[in-house]
PDB file of all heavy atoms in Angstrom:
ATOM      1  N   GLU A   1     116.227 101.165  96.283  1.00  0.00           N
ATOM      2  CA  GLU A   1     115.176 100.273  96.800  1.00  0.00           C
ATOM      3  C   GLU A   1     115.077 100.392  98.337  1.00  0.00           C
ATOM      4  O   GLU A   1     114.076  99.945  98.934  1.00  0.00           O
ATOM      5  CB  GLU A   1     115.454  98.850  96.423  1.00  0.00           C
ATOM      6  CG  GLU A   1     115.239  98.589  94.925  1.00  0.00           C
ATOM      7  CD  GLU A   1     115.186  97.092  94.595  1.00  0.00           C
ATOM      8  OE1 GLU A   1     114.326  96.417  95.188  1.00  0.00           O
ATOM      9  OE2 GLU A   1     115.982  96.633  93.803  1.00  0.00           O
ATOM     10  N   ASP A   2     116.064 100.965  98.960  1.00  0.00           N
ATOM     11  CA  ASP A   2     116.028 101.149 100.402  1.00  0.00           C
ATOM     12  C   ASP A   2     115.201 102.373 100.836  1.00  0.00           C
ATOM     13  O   ASP A   2     114.808 102.522 101.978  1.00  0.00           O
ATOM     14  CB  ASP A   2     117.426 101.320 100.984  1.00  0.00           C
ATOM     15  CG  ASP A   2     118.261 100.034 100.798  1.00  0.00           C
ATOM     16  OD1 ASP A   2     117.647  98.949 100.882  1.00  0.00           O
ATOM     17  OD2 ASP A   2     119.462 100.140 100.608  1.00  0.00           O
ATOM     18  N   ARG A   3     114.948 103.246  99.827  1.00  0.00           N
ATOM     19  CA  ARG A   3     114.137 104.475 100.129  1.00  0.00           C
ATOM     20  C   ARG A   3     112.846 104.407  99.311  1.00  0.00           C
ATOM     21  O   ARG A   3     112.881 104.522  98.119  1.00  0.00           O
ATOM     22  CB  ARG A   3     114.992 105.711  99.777  1.00  0.00           C
ATOM     23  CG  ARG A   3     114.290 107.013 100.129  1.00  0.00           C
ATOM     24  CD  ARG A   3     115.200 108.193 100.031  1.00  0.00           C
ATOM     25  NE  ARG A   3     114.471 109.428 100.227  1.00  0.00           N
ATOM     26  CZ  ARG A   3     114.306 110.411  99.322  1.00  0.00           C
ATOM     27  NH1 ARG A   3     114.844 110.252  98.125  1.00  0.00           N
ATOM     28  NH2 ARG A   3     113.630 111.458  99.592  1.00  0.00           N
ATOM     29  N   LYS A   4     111.759 104.191 100.015  1.00  0.00           N
ATOM     30  CA  LYS A   4     110.473 104.075  99.349  1.00  0.00           C
ATOM     31  C   LYS A   4     109.538 105.123  99.874  1.00  0.00           C
ATOM     32  O   LYS A   4     109.409 105.358 101.095  1.00  0.00           O
ATOM     33  CB  LYS A   4     109.892 102.679  99.558  1.00  0.00           C
ATOM     34  CG  LYS A   4     110.677 101.546  98.893  1.00  0.00           C
ATOM     35  CD  LYS A   4     109.968 100.222  99.082  1.00  0.00           C
ATOM     36  CE  LYS A   4     110.730  99.129  98.365  1.00  0.00           C
ATOM     37  NZ  LYS A   4     110.020  97.805  98.478  1.00  0.00           N
ATOM     38  N   ILE A   5     108.804 105.779  98.951  1.00  0.00           N
ATOM     39  CA  ILE A   5     107.834 106.816  99.298  1.00  0.00           C
ATOM     40  C   ILE A   5     106.615 106.634  98.424  1.00  0.00           C
ATOM     41  O   ILE A   5     106.759 106.454  97.180  1.00  0.00           O
ATOM     42  CB  ILE A   5     108.444 108.238  99.128  1.00  0.00           C
ATOM     43  CG1 ILE A   5     109.712 108.396  99.926  1.00  0.00           C
ATOM     44  CG2 ILE A   5     107.428 109.317  99.470  1.00  0.00           C
ATOM     45  CD1 ILE A   5     110.458 109.686  99.637  1.00  0.00           C
ATOM     46  N   ALA A   6     105.433 106.692  98.999  1.00  0.00           N
ATOM     47  CA  ALA A   6     104.228 106.643  98.196  1.00  0.00           C
ATOM     48  C   ALA A   6     104.053 107.966  97.429  1.00  0.00           C
ATOM     49  O   ALA A   6     104.239 109.065  98.010  1.00  0.00           O
ATOM     50  CB  ALA A   6     103.041 106.401  99.090  1.00  0.00           C
ATOM     51  N   THR A   7     103.650 107.884  96.173  1.00  0.00           N
ATOM     52  CA  THR A   7     103.486 109.137  95.386  1.00  0.00           C
ATOM     53  C   THR A   7     102.381 110.027  95.953  1.00  0.00           C
ATOM     54  O   THR A   7     102.433 111.229  95.785  1.00  0.00           O
ATOM     55  CB  THR A   7     103.225 108.788  93.918  1.00  0.00           C
ATOM     56  OG1 THR A   7     102.132 107.890  93.789  1.00  0.00           O
ATOM     57  CG2 THR A   7     104.475 108.199  93.266  1.00  0.00           C
ATOM     58  N   ARG A   8     101.438 109.426  96.648  1.00  0.00           N
ATOM     59  CA  ARG A   8     100.395 110.268  97.293  1.00  0.00           C
ATOM     60  C   ARG A   8     100.968 111.133  98.405  1.00  0.00           C
ATOM     61  O   ARG A   8     100.525 112.273  98.637  1.00  0.00           O
ATOM     62  CB  ARG A   8      99.227 109.398  97.788  1.00  0.00           C
ATOM     63  CG  ARG A   8      99.619 108.438  98.858  1.00  0.00           C
ATOM     64  CD  ARG A   8      98.456 107.469  99.183  1.00  0.00           C
ATOM     65  NE  ARG A   8      98.903 106.395 100.056  1.00  0.00           N
ATOM     66  CZ  ARG A   8      98.466 106.230 101.296  1.00  0.00           C
ATOM     67  NH1 ARG A   8      97.630 107.085 101.834  1.00  0.00           N
ATOM     68  NH2 ARG A   8      98.908 105.223 102.020  1.00  0.00           N
ATOM     69  N   GLN A   9     101.990 110.606  99.087  1.00  0.00           N
ATOM     70  CA  GLN A   9     102.677 111.375 100.142  1.00  0.00           C
ATOM     71  C   GLN A   9     103.417 112.537  99.512  1.00  0.00           C
ATOM     72  O   GLN A   9     103.457 113.649 100.019  1.00  0.00           O
ATOM     73  CB  GLN A   9     103.601 110.460 100.944  1.00  0.00           C
ATOM     74  CG  GLN A   9     104.308 111.181 102.084  1.00  0.00           C
ATOM     75  CD  GLN A   9     103.424 111.580 103.222  1.00  0.00           C
ATOM     76  OE1 GLN A   9     102.447 110.884 103.504  1.00  0.00           O
ATOM     77  NE2 GLN A   9     103.709 112.706 103.873  1.00  0.00           N
ATOM     78  N   SER A  10     104.154 112.219  98.427  1.00  0.00           N
ATOM     79  CA  SER A  10     104.897 113.262  97.699  1.00  0.00           C
ATOM     80  C   SER A  10     103.972 114.362  97.226  1.00  0.00           C
ATOM     81  O   SER A  10     104.312 115.553  97.284  1.00  0.00           O
ATOM     82  CB  SER A  10     105.602 112.609  96.520  1.00  0.00           C
ATOM     83  OG  SER A  10     106.313 111.463  96.881  1.00  0.00           O
ATOM     84  N   TYR A  11     102.800 113.955  96.763  1.00  0.00           N
ATOM     85  CA  TYR A  11     101.801 114.909  96.289  1.00  0.00           C
ATOM     86  C   TYR A  11     101.342 115.828  97.424  1.00  0.00           C
ATOM     87  O   TYR A  11     101.348 117.060  97.292  1.00  0.00           O
ATOM     88  CB  TYR A  11     100.584 114.119  95.776  1.00  0.00           C
ATOM     89  CG  TYR A  11      99.304 114.890  95.641  1.00  0.00           C
ATOM     90  CD1 TYR A  11      99.216 116.048  94.897  1.00  0.00           C
ATOM     91  CD2 TYR A  11      98.134 114.466  96.302  1.00  0.00           C
ATOM     92  CE1 TYR A  11      98.026 116.775  94.790  1.00  0.00           C
ATOM     93  CE2 TYR A  11      96.966 115.154  96.195  1.00  0.00           C
ATOM     94  CZ  TYR A  11      96.885 116.296  95.441  1.00  0.00           C
ATOM     95  OH  TYR A  11      95.730 117.016  95.344  1.00  0.00           O
ATOM     96  N   GLY A  12     101.008 115.267  98.577  1.00  0.00           N
ATOM     97  CA  GLY A  12     100.503 116.065  99.671  1.00  0.00           C
ATOM     98  C   GLY A  12     101.507 117.074 100.151  1.00  0.00           C
ATOM     99  O   GLY A  12     101.200 118.238 100.438  1.00  0.00           O
ATOM    100  N   GLU A  13     102.755 116.651 100.264  1.00  0.00           N
ATOM    101  CA  GLU A  13     103.831 117.550 100.753  1.00  0.00           C
ATOM    102  C   GLU A  13     104.088 118.690  99.765  1.00  0.00           C
ATOM    103  O   GLU A  13     104.281 119.841 100.119  1.00  0.00           O
ATOM    104  CB  GLU A  13     105.094 116.744 101.038  1.00  0.00           C
ATOM    105  CG  GLU A  13     104.943 115.805 102.220  1.00  0.00           C
ATOM    106  CD  GLU A  13     106.154 114.908 102.383  1.00  0.00           C
ATOM    107  OE1 GLU A  13     107.144 115.059 101.665  1.00  0.00           O
ATOM    108  OE2 GLU A  13     106.137 114.019 103.286  1.00  0.00           O
ATOM    109  N   THR A  14     104.146 118.332  98.483  1.00  0.00           N
ATOM    110  CA  THR A  14     104.421 119.339  97.445  1.00  0.00           C
ATOM    111  C   THR A  14     103.275 120.303  97.298  1.00  0.00           C
ATOM    112  O   THR A  14     103.480 121.508  97.060  1.00  0.00           O
ATOM    113  CB  THR A  14     104.694 118.649  96.105  1.00  0.00           C
ATOM    114  OG1 THR A  14     105.718 117.650  96.281  1.00  0.00           O
ATOM    115  CG2 THR A  14     105.170 119.682  95.061  1.00  0.00           C
ATOM    116  N   LEU A  15     102.058 119.806  97.440  1.00  0.00           N
ATOM    117  CA  LEU A  15     100.877 120.683  97.373  1.00  0.00           C
ATOM    118  C   LEU A  15     100.911 121.786  98.435  1.00  0.00           C
ATOM    119  O   LEU A  15     100.588 122.943  98.169  1.00  0.00           O
ATOM    120  CB  LEU A  15      99.617 119.810  97.515  1.00  0.00           C
ATOM    121  CG  LEU A  15      98.292 120.415  97.133  1.00  0.00           C
ATOM    122  CD1 LEU A  15      98.306 120.863  95.692  1.00  0.00           C
ATOM    123  CD2 LEU A  15      97.197 119.358  97.341  1.00  0.00           C
ATOM    124  N   ALA A  16     101.324 121.400  99.638  1.00  0.00           N
ATOM    125  CA  ALA A  16     101.416 122.382 100.734  1.00  0.00           C
ATOM    126  C   ALA A  16     102.482 123.422 100.409  1.00  0.00           C
ATOM    127  O   ALA A  16     102.278 124.622 100.693  1.00  0.00           O
ATOM    128  CB  ALA A  16     101.720 121.673 102.074  1.00  0.00           C
ATOM    129  N   GLN A  17     103.594 123.000  99.837  1.00  0.00           N
ATOM    130  CA  GLN A  17     104.643 123.918  99.471  1.00  0.00           C
ATOM    131  C   GLN A  17     104.168 124.869  98.367  1.00  0.00           C
ATOM    132  O   GLN A  17     104.463 126.056  98.353  1.00  0.00           O
ATOM    133  CB  GLN A  17     105.882 123.165  98.998  1.00  0.00           C
ATOM    134  CG  GLN A  17     106.546 122.383 100.112  1.00  0.00           C
ATOM    135  CD  GLN A  17     107.541 121.333  99.637  1.00  0.00           C
ATOM    136  OE1 GLN A  17     107.776 121.228  98.403  1.00  0.00           O
ATOM    137  NE2 GLN A  17     108.102 120.555 100.508  1.00  0.00           N
ATOM    138  N   LEU A  18     103.387 124.305  97.415  1.00  0.00           N
ATOM    139  CA  LEU A  18     102.865 125.116  96.318  1.00  0.00           C
ATOM    140  C   LEU A  18     101.889 126.167  96.854  1.00  0.00           C
ATOM    141  O   LEU A  18     101.853 127.306  96.358  1.00  0.00           O
ATOM    142  CB  LEU A  18     102.171 124.177  95.315  1.00  0.00           C
ATOM    143  CG  LEU A  18     101.631 124.795  94.036  1.00  0.00           C
ATOM    144  CD1 LEU A  18     102.715 125.408  93.226  1.00  0.00           C
ATOM    145  CD2 LEU A  18     100.903 123.733  93.218  1.00  0.00           C
ATOM    146  N   GLY A  19     101.155 125.785  97.849  1.00  0.00           N
ATOM    147  CA  GLY A  19     100.177 126.687  98.416  1.00  0.00           C
ATOM    148  C   GLY A  19     100.827 127.940  99.038  1.00  0.00           C
ATOM    149  O   GLY A  19     100.252 129.018  99.055  1.00  0.00           O
ATOM    150  N   GLU A  20     102.043 127.776  99.521  1.00  0.00           N
ATOM    151  CA  GLU A  20     102.798 128.919 100.099  1.00  0.00           C
ATOM    152  C   GLU A  20     103.230 129.895  99.030  1.00  0.00           C
ATOM    153  O   GLU A  20     103.309 131.101  99.297  1.00  0.00           O
ATOM    154  CB  GLU A  20     103.991 128.406 100.874  1.00  0.00           C
ATOM    155  CG  GLU A  20     103.628 127.614 102.137  1.00  0.00           C
ATOM    156  CD  GLU A  20     104.861 127.046 102.833  1.00  0.00           C
ATOM    157  OE1 GLU A  20     105.975 127.233 102.291  1.00  0.00           O
ATOM    158  OE2 GLU A  20     104.692 126.474 103.941  1.00  0.00           O
ATOM    159  N   LYS A  21     103.478 129.368  97.851  1.00  0.00           N
ATOM    160  CA  LYS A  21     103.990 130.211  96.750  1.00  0.00           C
ATOM    161  C   LYS A  21     102.896 130.786  95.874  1.00  0.00           C
ATOM    162  O   LYS A  21     103.117 131.804  95.188  1.00  0.00           O
ATOM    163  CB  LYS A  21     104.945 129.396  95.866  1.00  0.00           C
ATOM    164  CG  LYS A  21     106.205 128.919  96.595  1.00  0.00           C
ATOM    165  CD  LYS A  21     107.176 128.212  95.662  1.00  0.00           C
ATOM    166  CE  LYS A  21     106.688 126.856  95.250  1.00  0.00           C
ATOM    167  NZ  LYS A  21     107.710 126.113  94.476  1.00  0.00           N
ATOM    168  N   ASN A  22     101.726 130.162  95.834  1.00  0.00           N
ATOM    169  CA  ASN A  22     100.675 130.587  94.900  1.00  0.00           C
ATOM    170  C   ASN A  22      99.360 130.624  95.635  1.00  0.00           C
ATOM    171  O   ASN A  22      98.770 129.590  95.937  1.00  0.00           O
ATOM    172  CB  ASN A  22     100.624 129.633  93.713  1.00  0.00           C
ATOM    173  CG  ASN A  22      99.798 130.128  92.573  1.00  0.00           C
ATOM    174  OD1 ASN A  22      98.882 130.963  92.752  1.00  0.00           O
ATOM    175  ND2 ASN A  22     100.065 129.644  91.362  1.00  0.00           N
ATOM    176  N   SER A  23      98.851 131.817  95.850  1.00  0.00           N
ATOM    177  CA  SER A  23      97.617 132.038  96.569  1.00  0.00           C
ATOM    178  C   SER A  23      96.378 131.590  95.787  1.00  0.00           C
ATOM    179  O   SER A  23      95.276 131.482  96.322  1.00  0.00           O
ATOM    180  CB  SER A  23      97.473 133.489  97.029  1.00  0.00           C
ATOM    181  OG  SER A  23      97.429 134.325  95.884  1.00  0.00           O
ATOM    182  N   ARG A  24      96.542 131.363  94.473  1.00  0.00           N
ATOM    183  CA  ARG A  24      95.422 130.937  93.626  1.00  0.00           C
ATOM    184  C   ARG A  24      95.094 129.456  93.808  1.00  0.00           C
ATOM    185  O   ARG A  24      94.040 128.982  93.440  1.00  0.00           O
ATOM    186  CB  ARG A  24      95.715 131.203  92.144  1.00  0.00           C
ATOM    187  CG  ARG A  24      95.758 132.683  91.766  1.00  0.00           C
ATOM    188  CD  ARG A  24      96.254 132.823  90.325  1.00  0.00           C
ATOM    189  NE  ARG A  24      95.362 132.115  89.387  1.00  0.00           N
ATOM    190  CZ  ARG A  24      95.769 131.658  88.206  1.00  0.00           C
ATOM    191  NH1 ARG A  24      97.018 131.813  87.832  1.00  0.00           N
ATOM    192  NH2 ARG A  24      94.894 131.041  87.430  1.00  0.00           N
ATOM    193  N   VAL A  25      96.016 128.715  94.374  1.00  0.00           N
ATOM    194  CA  VAL A  25      95.844 127.274  94.562  1.00  0.00           C
ATOM    195  C   VAL A  25      94.861 127.024  95.700  1.00  0.00           C
ATOM    196  O   VAL A  25      94.992 127.510  96.800  1.00  0.00           O
ATOM    197  CB  VAL A  25      97.185 126.586  94.898  1.00  0.00           C
ATOM    198  CG1 VAL A  25      96.951 125.127  95.299  1.00  0.00           C
ATOM    199  CG2 VAL A  25      98.136 126.654  93.668  1.00  0.00           C
ATOM    200  N   VAL A  26      93.831 126.212  95.332  1.00  0.00           N
ATOM    201  CA  VAL A  26      92.854 125.776  96.319  1.00  0.00           C
ATOM    202  C   VAL A  26      92.779 124.251  96.229  1.00  0.00           C
ATOM    203  O   VAL A  26      93.035 123.659  95.159  1.00  0.00           O
ATOM    204  CB  VAL A  26      91.467 126.411  96.104  1.00  0.00           C
ATOM    205  CG1 VAL A  26      91.543 127.896  96.365  1.00  0.00           C
ATOM    206  CG2 VAL A  26      90.924 126.100  94.721  1.00  0.00           C
ATOM    207  N   VAL A  27      92.393 123.604  97.286  1.00  0.00           N
ATOM    208  CA  VAL A  27      92.369 122.125  97.303  1.00  0.00           C
ATOM    209  C   VAL A  27      91.004 121.670  97.774  1.00  0.00           C
ATOM    210  O   VAL A  27      90.431 122.180  98.752  1.00  0.00           O
ATOM    211  CB  VAL A  27      93.458 121.601  98.266  1.00  0.00           C
ATOM    212  CG1 VAL A  27      93.413 120.065  98.365  1.00  0.00           C
ATOM    213  CG2 VAL A  27      94.829 122.026  97.701  1.00  0.00           C
ATOM    214  N   LEU A  28      90.471 120.672  97.107  1.00  0.00           N
ATOM    215  CA  LEU A  28      89.192 120.095  97.417  1.00  0.00           C
ATOM    216  C   LEU A  28      89.363 118.558  97.600  1.00  0.00           C
ATOM    217  O   LEU A  28      90.154 117.959  96.857  1.00  0.00           O
ATOM    218  CB  LEU A  28      88.151 120.326  96.326  1.00  0.00           C
ATOM    219  CG  LEU A  28      87.810 121.796  96.005  1.00  0.00           C
ATOM    220  CD1 LEU A  28      88.757 122.362  95.004  1.00  0.00           C
ATOM    221  CD2 LEU A  28      86.379 121.888  95.492  1.00  0.00           C
ATOM    222  N   ASP A  29      88.602 117.983  98.511  1.00  0.00           N
ATOM    223  CA  ASP A  29      88.715 116.552  98.758  1.00  0.00           C
ATOM    224  C   ASP A  29      87.301 116.015  99.109  1.00  0.00           C
ATOM    225  O   ASP A  29      86.431 116.784  99.507  1.00  0.00           O
ATOM    226  CB  ASP A  29      89.676 116.251  99.887  1.00  0.00           C
ATOM    227  CG  ASP A  29      90.257 114.865  99.841  1.00  0.00           C
ATOM    228  OD1 ASP A  29      89.449 113.906 100.071  1.00  0.00           O
ATOM    229  OD2 ASP A  29      91.426 114.715  99.565  1.00  0.00           O
ATOM    230  N   ALA A  30      87.129 114.720  98.864  1.00  0.00           N
ATOM    231  CA  ALA A  30      85.828 114.081  99.120  1.00  0.00           C
ATOM    232  C   ALA A  30      85.936 113.185 100.360  1.00  0.00           C
ATOM    233  O   ALA A  30      85.702 111.991 100.310  1.00  0.00           O
ATOM    234  CB  ALA A  30      85.344 113.286  97.901  1.00  0.00           C
ATOM    235  N   ASP A  31      86.280 113.819 101.462  1.00  0.00           N
ATOM    236  CA  ASP A  31      86.256 113.139 102.781  1.00  0.00           C
ATOM    237  C   ASP A  31      87.301 112.029 102.899  1.00  0.00           C
ATOM    238  O   ASP A  31      87.125 111.077 103.651  1.00  0.00           O
ATOM    239  CB  ASP A  31      84.880 112.556 103.091  1.00  0.00           C
ATOM    240  CG  ASP A  31      84.588 112.554 104.596  1.00  0.00           C
ATOM    241  OD1 ASP A  31      85.058 113.467 105.317  1.00  0.00           O
ATOM    242  OD2 ASP A  31      83.914 111.630 105.077  1.00  0.00           O
ATOM    243  N   LEU A  32      88.411 112.186 102.170  1.00  0.00           N
ATOM    244  CA  LEU A  32      89.499 111.210 102.207  1.00  0.00           C
ATOM    245  C   LEU A  32      90.850 111.857 102.394  1.00  0.00           C
ATOM    246  O   LEU A  32      91.879 111.311 101.944  1.00  0.00           O
ATOM    247  CB  LEU A  32      89.484 110.355 100.941  1.00  0.00           C
ATOM    248  CG  LEU A  32      88.353 109.311 100.806  1.00  0.00           C
ATOM    249  CD1 LEU A  32      88.273 108.760  99.429  1.00  0.00           C
ATOM    250  CD2 LEU A  32      88.534 108.163 101.821  1.00  0.00           C
TER     251      LEU A  32
END
């Protein structure tokens, strides 16, 4: 309970790591 992380933050960080390993990964967002 002393270590809290929003799952959206975990998503963003992991997505960037995934992008380094897989060039087929593309990301789209709606201005958010």
